Amino acid sequence: MYAIYTFGPQIMTTFGLGVGKSAILGESVLSLFFLVGSLPAMFWLNSMGRRPLLIRSLFLMAVGLLALGLFPTAPFSR
């Protein structure tokens, strides 16, 4: 989360959301995703345990970042 917020301005600029109201919208959507993602994780923590939850979420984040890295000119990355 720290890395996403540290590099957030560069990421938002890459997606065309770097200036004005669109920058606020981009950061708001990013924060909303963090909130929505943390709610199920709070419930899964008790049933799964910390280590498996962290490993699974790391794997899902790596898949998303790998897709962005392999296909930088894809329609979803502008």
C-alpha atoms as a PDB file:
ATOM      1  CA  MET A   1       0.000   0.000   0.000  1.00  0.00           C
ATOM      2  CA  TYR A   2       2.893   2.330   0.790  1.00  0.00           C
ATOM      3  CA  ALA A   3       4.412   1.703  -2.642  1.00  0.00           C
ATOM      4  CA  ILE A   4       1.136   2.352  -4.442  1.00  0.00           C
ATOM      5  CA  TYR A   5       0.642   5.675  -2.644  1.00  0.00           C
ATOM      6  CA  THR A   6       4.322   6.599  -3.112  1.00  0.00           C
ATOM      7  CA  PHE A   7       4.194   6.033  -6.857  1.00  0.00           C
ATOM      8  CA  GLY A   8       0.512   6.989  -7.149  1.00  0.00           C
ATOM      9  CA  PRO A   9       1.094  10.291  -8.970  1.00  0.00           C
ATOM     10  CA  GLN A  10       3.250   8.611 -11.642  1.00  0.00           C
ATOM     11  CA  ILE A  11       0.770   5.748 -12.013  1.00  0.00           C
ATOM     12  CA  MET A  12      -2.169   8.128 -12.315  1.00  0.00           C
ATOM     13  CA  THR A  13      -0.300  10.258 -14.875  1.00  0.00           C
ATOM     14  CA  THR A  14       0.409   7.127 -16.931  1.00  0.00           C
ATOM     15  CA  PHE A  15      -3.298   6.304 -16.960  1.00  0.00           C
ATOM     16  CA  GLY A  16      -4.148   9.872 -17.940  1.00  0.00           C
ATOM     17  CA  LEU A  17      -5.437  10.837 -14.488  1.00  0.00           C
ATOM     18  CA  GLY A  18      -2.598  13.081 -13.395  1.00  0.00           C
ATOM     19  CA  VAL A  19      -4.015  16.600 -13.374  1.00  0.00           C
ATOM     20  CA  GLY A  20      -6.976  18.392 -11.789  1.00  0.00           C
ATOM     21  CA  LYS A  21     -10.256  16.679 -11.070  1.00  0.00           C
ATOM     22  CA  SER A  22      -9.213  13.489 -12.825  1.00  0.00           C
ATOM     23  CA  ALA A  23      -6.278  13.111 -10.401  1.00  0.00           C
ATOM     24  CA  ILE A  24      -8.648  13.381  -7.448  1.00  0.00           C
ATOM     25  CA  LEU A  25     -10.970  10.864  -9.091  1.00  0.00           C
ATOM     26  CA  GLY A  26      -8.100   8.440  -9.688  1.00  0.00           C
ATOM     27  CA  GLU A  27      -6.854   8.635  -6.099  1.00  0.00           C
ATOM     28  CA  SER A  28     -10.418   8.272  -4.803  1.00  0.00           C
ATOM     29  CA  VAL A  29     -10.999   5.149  -6.876  1.00  0.00           C
ATOM     30  CA  LEU A  30      -7.683   3.707  -5.681  1.00  0.00           C
ATOM     31  CA  SER A  31      -8.627   4.343  -2.048  1.00  0.00           C
ATOM     32  CA  LEU A  32     -12.045   2.799  -2.641  1.00  0.00           C
ATOM     33  CA  PHE A  33     -10.409  -0.365  -4.014  1.00  0.00           C
ATOM     34  CA  PHE A  34      -8.233  -0.570  -0.902  1.00  0.00           C
ATOM     35  CA  LEU A  35     -11.296  -0.216   1.318  1.00  0.00           C
ATOM     36  CA  VAL A  36     -13.351  -2.771  -0.591  1.00  0.00           C
ATOM     37  CA  GLY A  37     -10.423  -5.206  -0.637  1.00  0.00           C
ATOM     38  CA  SER A  38      -9.744  -4.917   3.068  1.00  0.00           C
ATOM     39  CA  LEU A  39     -13.295  -5.796   4.143  1.00  0.00           C
ATOM     40  CA  PRO A  40     -13.277  -9.436   2.952  1.00  0.00           C
ATOM     41  CA  ALA A  41      -9.656  -9.788   4.090  1.00  0.00           C
ATOM     42  CA  MET A  42     -10.712  -9.004   7.668  1.00  0.00           C
ATOM     43  CA  PHE A  43     -13.125 -11.935   7.614  1.00  0.00           C
ATOM     44  CA  TRP A  44     -10.761 -14.301   5.773  1.00  0.00           C
ATOM     45  CA  LEU A  45      -7.996 -13.580   8.261  1.00  0.00           C
ATOM     46  CA  ASN A  46      -9.745 -15.595  10.971  1.00  0.00           C
ATOM     47  CA  SER A  47     -10.523 -18.566   8.756  1.00  0.00           C
ATOM     48  CA  MET A  48      -7.367 -18.648   6.623  1.00  0.00           C
ATOM     49  CA  GLY A  49      -4.648 -17.266   8.828  1.00  0.00           C
ATOM     50  CA  ARG A  50      -2.223 -14.450   8.153  1.00  0.00           C
ATOM     51  CA  ARG A  51       0.425 -16.223   6.114  1.00  0.00           C
ATOM     52  CA  PRO A  52      -1.880 -17.917   3.561  1.00  0.00           C
ATOM     53  CA  LEU A  53      -3.885 -14.702   3.177  1.00  0.00           C
ATOM     54  CA  LEU A  54      -0.740 -12.670   2.508  1.00  0.00           C
ATOM     55  CA  ILE A  55       0.640 -15.222   0.054  1.00  0.00           C
ATOM     56  CA  ARG A  56      -2.616 -15.394  -1.909  1.00  0.00           C
ATOM     57  CA  SER A  57      -3.051 -11.642  -2.048  1.00  0.00           C
ATOM     58  CA  LEU A  58       0.586 -11.188  -3.102  1.00  0.00           C
ATOM     59  CA  PHE A  59       0.050 -13.688  -5.902  1.00  0.00           C
ATOM     60  CA  LEU A  60      -3.057 -11.837  -7.142  1.00  0.00           C
ATOM     61  CA  MET A  61      -1.258  -8.486  -7.055  1.00  0.00           C
ATOM     62  CA  ALA A  62       1.705  -9.984  -8.924  1.00  0.00           C
ATOM     63  CA  VAL A  63      -0.604 -11.294 -11.656  1.00  0.00           C
ATOM     64  CA  GLY A  64      -2.134  -7.838 -12.131  1.00  0.00           C
ATOM     65  CA  LEU A  65       1.227  -6.084 -12.207  1.00  0.00           C
ATOM     66  CA  LEU A  66       2.637  -8.717 -14.559  1.00  0.00           C
ATOM     67  CA  ALA A  67      -0.249  -8.100 -16.971  1.00  0.00           C
ATOM     68  CA  LEU A  68       0.468  -4.353 -16.894  1.00  0.00           C
ATOM     69  CA  GLY A  69       4.189  -4.983 -17.397  1.00  0.00           C
ATOM     70  CA  LEU A  70       3.812  -7.431 -20.278  1.00  0.00           C
ATOM     71  CA  PHE A  71       1.167  -5.444 -22.140  1.00  0.00           C
ATOM     72  CA  PRO A  72       1.991  -1.745 -21.610  1.00  0.00           C
ATOM     73  CA  THR A  73       0.069  -0.688 -24.721  1.00  0.00           C
ATOM     74  CA  ALA A  74      -3.087  -2.669 -23.920  1.00  0.00           C
ATOM     75  CA  PRO A  75      -6.392  -0.770 -24.067  1.00  0.00           C
ATOM     76  CA  PHE A  76      -6.792  -0.834 -20.282  1.00  0.00           C
ATOM     77  CA  SER A  77      -3.463   0.977 -19.781  1.00  0.00           C
ATOM     78  CA  ARG A  78      -4.053   3.699 -22.373  1.00  0.00           C
END
